[in-house]
Protein backbone atom coordinates (compact mmCIF):
# COMPACT_ATOMS: atom_id res chain seq x y z
CA MET A 1 -38.56 4.03 -6.46
CA ALA A 2 -36.48 5.46 -9.24
CA THR A 3 -34.33 7.72 -7.08
CA TYR A 4 -33.36 4.26 -5.41
CA GLY A 5 -32.31 2.99 -8.62
CA ILE A 6 -30.24 5.91 -9.56
CA LEU A 7 -28.65 5.99 -6.03
CA LEU A 8 -27.60 2.40 -6.39
CA LEU A 9 -26.20 2.96 -9.84
CA VAL A 10 -24.01 5.80 -8.65
CA ILE A 11 -22.91 3.58 -5.50
CA ILE A 12 -21.83 0.73 -8.33
CA VAL A 13 -20.11 3.29 -10.60
CA LEU A 14 -18.21 4.72 -7.73
CA ALA A 15 -17.29 1.21 -6.68
CA VAL A 16 -16.03 0.10 -9.86
CA LEU A 17 -13.81 3.55 -10.14
CA GLY A 18 -12.35 2.89 -6.68
CA VAL A 19 -11.24 -0.75 -7.66
CA VAL A 20 -9.98 0.61 -11.09
CA VAL A 21 -7.90 3.31 -9.29
CA LEU A 22 -6.53 0.51 -6.86
CA LEU A 23 -5.54 -1.93 -9.75
CA ARG A 24 -3.94 0.86 -11.59
CA GLN A 25 -2.02 2.33 -8.50
CA THR A 26 -0.81 -1.52 -7.55
CA ARG A 27 0.56 -1.87 -11.20
CA LYS A 28 2.30 1.24 -11.33
CA HIS A 29 3.77 1.02 -7.77
CA GLY A 30 1.82 4.04 -6.66
CA ARG A 31 0.82 5.45 -3.38
CA TRP A 32 -2.62 4.13 -3.39
CA GLY A 33 -1.77 0.64 -4.60
CA ILE A 34 -1.59 -2.56 -2.65
CA GLY A 35 2.01 -3.31 -1.48
CA ALA A 36 3.95 -6.69 -0.88
CA VAL A 37 1.56 -9.42 0.54
CA GLY A 38 3.62 -10.84 3.36
CA GLY A 39 7.15 -10.12 4.60
CA ILE A 40 9.95 -8.93 2.41
CA ASN A 41 13.77 -8.74 2.58
CA CYS A 42 15.38 -5.45 3.25
CA PRO A 43 17.22 -4.34 -0.02
CA ARG A 44 20.21 -3.03 1.94
CA CYS A 45 21.04 -5.97 4.03
CA GLY A 46 18.71 -8.69 3.17
CA THR A 47 16.95 -8.90 6.74
CA ARG A 48 13.38 -10.48 6.52
CA LEU A 49 10.99 -7.95 7.38
CA GLU A 50 7.96 -8.96 9.41
CA ALA A 51 4.74 -9.11 7.54
CA ILE A 52 2.99 -7.69 10.63
CA ARG A 53 4.63 -4.23 11.13
CA ALA A 54 4.80 -1.99 13.86
CA PRO A 55 5.06 1.70 11.87
CA LYS A 56 7.93 3.83 13.05
CA SER A 57 6.71 7.02 11.36
CA VAL A 58 3.44 8.76 10.28
CA GLN A 59 4.36 8.18 6.69
CA GLU A 60 4.75 4.43 7.45
CA THR A 61 1.55 4.39 9.17
CA MET A 62 -0.35 6.10 6.33
CA TRP A 63 1.27 4.64 3.18
CA GLY A 64 2.99 1.38 4.51
CA GLY A 65 6.53 0.26 4.46
CA TRP A 66 9.24 -0.81 7.16
CA THR A 67 12.18 0.42 8.69
CA CYS A 68 14.85 -2.59 8.77
CA PRO A 69 15.62 -3.11 12.51
CA ASN A 70 19.38 -4.24 11.54
CA CYS A 71 20.51 -1.37 9.33
CA GLY A 72 17.98 1.38 9.75
CA ALA A 73 16.81 1.37 6.03
CA LYS A 74 13.34 2.89 5.11
CA VAL A 75 11.63 0.36 2.61
CA ASP A 76 8.59 1.17 0.90
CA LYS A 77 5.55 -1.10 0.72
CA TYR A 78 6.62 -2.48 -2.57
CA GLY A 79 10.15 -3.71 -1.37
CA LYS A 80 12.24 -0.70 -2.49
CA GLU A 81 14.57 1.41 -0.30
CA ARG A 82 13.13 4.89 0.10
CA ALA A 83 15.41 8.18 0.55
CA ALA A 84 15.94 9.05 4.01
């Protein structure tokens, strides 16, 4: 019975650490953070980017972001233009 308690404690500690990392990365606009909730505007031309997106590259698939359909600007998940 004691091993189940230890296992439960380990799972809880790992879950708390995961939430802490997620919150810190979001605040610092890091790779592992949560980006803009909902659509954003392209920083270059102002076109509204869809909230539900179709990734155009592997980078967008893994880490979020958009490619503007109007001007082709690459935008990260926080709404900032990325280097091409």
